Amino acid sequence: MIYKVLYQPNPLEGLKREVTKSLYINANTEAEVRDLIRDNTEYTIEYIQPLTGKHLEFEQNESDFKITEFK
């Protein structure tokens, strides 16, 4: 399943809507997404949203849609 993750890139700053970023991850569960973010970044997660159906199609048509892969 594809998940959209809204996050703050700097964990030392307070949450500001203006600096919220997003990325897309292919994972089996939301818990797996949280583990991937925790283990590979310093991001502060705001929200994780599963994408399906028309919503997934819409996001895939956006110019910044790219699945993030961690090694």
C-alpha atoms as a PDB file:
ATOM      1  CA  MET A   1       0.000   0.000   0.000  1.00  0.00           C
ATOM      2  CA  ILE A   2       1.140   3.542  -0.675  1.00  0.00           C
ATOM      3  CA  TYR A   3       1.216   5.953   2.264  1.00  0.00           C
ATOM      4  CA  LYS A   4       1.563   9.730   2.185  1.00  0.00           C
ATOM      5  CA  VAL A   5       3.624  11.025   5.106  1.00  0.00           C
ATOM      6  CA  LEU A   6       3.414  14.651   6.188  1.00  0.00           C
ATOM      7  CA  TYR A   7       6.478  15.603   8.205  1.00  0.00           C
ATOM      8  CA  GLN A   8       8.663  18.345   9.603  1.00  0.00           C
ATOM      9  CA  PRO A   9      12.270  18.028   8.421  1.00  0.00           C
ATOM     10  CA  ASN A  10      13.894  19.608  11.496  1.00  0.00           C
ATOM     11  CA  PRO A  11      13.028  17.902  14.796  1.00  0.00           C
ATOM     12  CA  LEU A  12      14.526  20.785  16.819  1.00  0.00           C
ATOM     13  CA  GLU A  13      12.075  23.393  15.521  1.00  0.00           C
ATOM     14  CA  GLY A  14       8.482  23.702  16.607  1.00  0.00           C
ATOM     15  CA  LEU A  15       5.798  22.485  14.234  1.00  0.00           C
ATOM     16  CA  LYS A  16       4.997  25.045  11.552  1.00  0.00           C
ATOM     17  CA  ARG A  17       2.498  24.368   8.791  1.00  0.00           C
ATOM     18  CA  GLU A  18       4.596  26.465   6.413  1.00  0.00           C
ATOM     19  CA  VAL A  19       7.496  23.997   6.495  1.00  0.00           C
ATOM     20  CA  THR A  20       5.475  20.782   6.354  1.00  0.00           C
ATOM     21  CA  LYS A  21       6.735  18.478   3.626  1.00  0.00           C
ATOM     22  CA  SER A  22       5.414  15.208   2.245  1.00  0.00           C
ATOM     23  CA  LEU A  23       6.775  11.955   0.919  1.00  0.00           C
ATOM     24  CA  TYR A  24       5.279   8.702  -0.320  1.00  0.00           C
ATOM     25  CA  ILE A  25       6.242   5.258   0.954  1.00  0.00           C
ATOM     26  CA  ASN A  26       5.241   1.791  -0.189  1.00  0.00           C
ATOM     27  CA  ALA A  27       4.778  -0.366   2.933  1.00  0.00           C
ATOM     28  CA  ASN A  28       2.536  -3.075   4.348  1.00  0.00           C
ATOM     29  CA  THR A  29       1.384  -1.198   7.453  1.00  0.00           C
ATOM     30  CA  GLU A  30       1.423   2.242   9.047  1.00  0.00           C
ATOM     31  CA  ALA A  31       3.699   0.818  11.742  1.00  0.00           C
ATOM     32  CA  GLU A  32       6.201  -0.170   9.051  1.00  0.00           C
ATOM     33  CA  VAL A  33       6.089   3.380   7.688  1.00  0.00           C
ATOM     34  CA  ARG A  34       6.809   4.778  11.173  1.00  0.00           C
ATOM     35  CA  ASP A  35       9.735   2.373  11.575  1.00  0.00           C
ATOM     36  CA  LEU A  36      11.198   3.348   8.182  1.00  0.00           C
ATOM     37  CA  ILE A  37      10.981   7.065   8.981  1.00  0.00           C
ATOM     38  CA  ARG A  38      12.403   6.600  12.495  1.00  0.00           C
ATOM     39  CA  ASP A  39      15.286   4.393  11.329  1.00  0.00           C
ATOM     40  CA  ASN A  40      16.297   6.441   8.274  1.00  0.00           C
ATOM     41  CA  THR A  41      15.541  10.089   9.045  1.00  0.00           C
ATOM     42  CA  GLU A  42      15.303  12.645  11.823  1.00  0.00           C
ATOM     43  CA  TYR A  43      11.868  13.802  10.636  1.00  0.00           C
ATOM     44  CA  THR A  44       8.978  14.553  12.943  1.00  0.00           C
ATOM     45  CA  ILE A  45       5.896  12.829  11.548  1.00  0.00           C
ATOM     46  CA  GLU A  46       2.731  14.907  11.521  1.00  0.00           C
ATOM     47  CA  TYR A  47       0.370  12.514   9.785  1.00  0.00           C
ATOM     48  CA  ILE A  48       0.398   9.244   7.832  1.00  0.00           C
ATOM     49  CA  GLN A  49      -2.367   8.725   5.308  1.00  0.00           C
ATOM     50  CA  PRO A  50      -3.035   5.527   3.362  1.00  0.00           C
ATOM     51  CA  LEU A  51      -3.767   6.246  -0.299  1.00  0.00           C
ATOM     52  CA  THR A  52      -6.234   4.161  -2.276  1.00  0.00           C
ATOM     53  CA  GLY A  53      -8.577   4.489  -5.222  1.00  0.00           C
ATOM     54  CA  LYS A  54      -9.230   7.961  -6.630  1.00  0.00           C
ATOM     55  CA  HIS A  55      -7.122   9.637  -3.970  1.00  0.00           C
ATOM     56  CA  LEU A  56      -4.089   7.554  -4.986  1.00  0.00           C
ATOM     57  CA  GLU A  57      -4.749   8.333  -8.664  1.00  0.00           C
ATOM     58  CA  PHE A  58      -4.907  12.050  -7.870  1.00  0.00           C
ATOM     59  CA  GLU A  59      -1.627  11.978  -5.931  1.00  0.00           C
ATOM     60  CA  GLN A  60       0.098   9.967  -8.691  1.00  0.00           C
ATOM     61  CA  ASN A  61      -0.782  12.713 -11.178  1.00  0.00           C
ATOM     62  CA  GLU A  62       0.965  15.384  -9.100  1.00  0.00           C
ATOM     63  CA  SER A  63       4.365  16.467 -10.398  1.00  0.00           C
ATOM     64  CA  ASP A  64       6.130  15.746  -7.085  1.00  0.00           C
ATOM     65  CA  PHE A  65       4.829  12.168  -6.706  1.00  0.00           C
ATOM     66  CA  LYS A  66       7.744   9.808  -6.159  1.00  0.00           C
ATOM     67  CA  ILE A  67       7.988   6.743  -3.948  1.00  0.00           C
ATOM     68  CA  THR A  68      10.738   7.200  -1.349  1.00  0.00           C
ATOM     69  CA  GLU A  69      12.918   4.139  -0.822  1.00  0.00           C
ATOM     70  CA  PHE A  70      15.322   3.719   2.064  1.00  0.00           C
ATOM     71  CA  LYS A  71      18.349   1.457   1.845  1.00  0.00           C
END
